[in-house]
Amino acid sequence: MNQIKTVVSIFLILVLGDLVAGLKDPVCGLVPAANGIGLRVCYALFPSFTYFSATNTCFKFNYGGCGGNANRFSTKEECEAKCKE
């Protein structure tokens, strides 16, 4: 049983590594539309775009102004140039 767990674990690591390595930029693999810090949510409204690697698409969202990550772009064009395959 432990051998199966080991094989499955190695397989998942390799598959996930391939997914991340296949992105144009590591930023594109970050959590999309991240907002807030823990349970605190910030309520500013900065129109932004974020990349969803699962659909190879940039979507508009309102960034609240705190937390988040680098998967946030000012324009759809900027998002697509950086991430879209």
Protein backbone atom coordinates (compact mmCIF):
# COMPACT_ATOMS: atom_id res chain seq x y z
CA MET A 1 0.00 0.00 0.00
CA ASN A 2 2.86 2.39 0.79
CA GLN A 3 4.35 1.72 -2.66
CA ILE A 4 1.12 2.84 -4.30
CA LYS A 5 1.08 6.05 -2.25
CA THR A 6 4.70 6.72 -3.19
CA VAL A 7 4.05 6.15 -6.90
CA VAL A 8 0.95 8.36 -6.85
CA SER A 9 2.82 11.09 -4.96
CA ILE A 10 5.70 11.08 -7.44
CA PHE A 11 3.26 11.13 -10.35
CA LEU A 12 1.41 14.15 -8.93
CA ILE A 13 4.65 16.03 -8.31
CA LEU A 14 5.77 15.42 -11.89
CA VAL A 15 2.41 16.42 -13.39
CA LEU A 16 2.14 19.60 -11.31
CA GLY A 17 5.75 20.46 -12.09
CA ASP A 18 5.02 20.12 -15.80
CA LEU A 19 1.98 22.39 -15.51
CA VAL A 20 3.94 25.13 -13.77
CA ALA A 21 6.99 24.72 -16.01
CA GLY A 22 4.77 25.02 -19.09
CA LEU A 23 3.59 28.53 -18.22
CA LYS A 24 5.05 31.53 -20.04
CA ASP A 25 5.82 33.16 -16.69
CA PRO A 26 5.64 31.77 -13.12
CA VAL A 27 3.35 34.68 -12.17
CA CYS A 28 0.70 33.12 -14.41
CA GLY A 29 0.53 30.06 -12.14
CA LEU A 30 -0.32 32.04 -9.01
CA VAL A 31 -3.83 31.93 -7.51
CA PRO A 32 -6.09 34.06 -9.73
CA ALA A 33 -8.07 37.02 -8.38
CA ALA A 34 -6.41 36.78 -4.96
CA ASN A 35 -7.69 39.48 -2.62
CA GLY A 36 -7.55 40.24 1.09
CA ILE A 37 -5.28 39.11 3.89
CA GLY A 38 -6.59 36.06 5.72
CA LEU A 39 -10.08 36.79 6.99
CA ARG A 40 -9.75 40.53 6.45
CA VAL A 41 -11.06 41.76 3.11
CA CYS A 42 -10.20 45.19 1.75
CA TYR A 43 -12.90 47.17 0.02
CA ALA A 44 -11.14 49.37 -2.53
CA LEU A 45 -12.23 48.83 -6.12
CA PHE A 46 -9.28 48.68 -8.48
CA PRO A 47 -10.42 47.24 -11.83
CA SER A 48 -7.84 44.58 -12.67
CA PHE A 49 -7.32 41.46 -14.74
CA THR A 50 -6.12 38.05 -13.61
CA TYR A 51 -5.02 34.96 -15.51
CA PHE A 52 -6.71 31.55 -15.08
CA SER A 53 -4.28 28.89 -16.32
CA ALA A 54 -6.99 26.20 -16.41
CA THR A 55 -8.86 28.09 -19.15
CA ASN A 56 -5.93 30.09 -20.62
CA THR A 57 -8.03 33.23 -20.17
CA CYS A 58 -7.68 36.65 -18.54
CA PHE A 59 -10.72 37.78 -16.54
CA LYS A 60 -11.68 41.13 -15.08
CA PHE A 61 -12.06 41.42 -11.31
CA ASN A 62 -12.04 44.20 -8.72
CA TYR A 63 -8.92 44.13 -6.57
CA GLY A 64 -9.70 45.25 -3.02
CA GLY A 65 -6.32 46.87 -2.38
CA CYS A 66 -4.60 44.50 0.06
CA GLY A 67 -3.08 41.06 -0.04
CA GLY A 68 -3.25 39.44 -3.42
CA ASN A 69 -0.29 38.44 -5.54
CA ALA A 70 1.45 39.31 -8.79
CA ASN A 71 -1.24 37.60 -10.91
CA ARG A 72 -2.94 40.98 -11.24
CA PHE A 73 -2.67 43.22 -14.29
CA SER A 74 -3.93 46.70 -15.15
CA THR A 75 -5.24 45.74 -18.59
CA LYS A 76 -6.43 42.63 -20.37
CA GLU A 77 -3.76 43.23 -23.01
CA GLU A 78 -1.01 43.22 -20.37
CA CYS A 79 -2.40 40.00 -18.86
CA GLU A 80 -2.61 38.25 -22.22
CA ALA A 81 0.87 39.37 -23.30
CA LYS A 82 2.37 38.00 -20.09
CA CYS A 83 0.39 34.77 -19.72
CA LYS A 84 -1.82 33.70 -22.61
CA GLU A 85 -0.49 30.70 -24.52
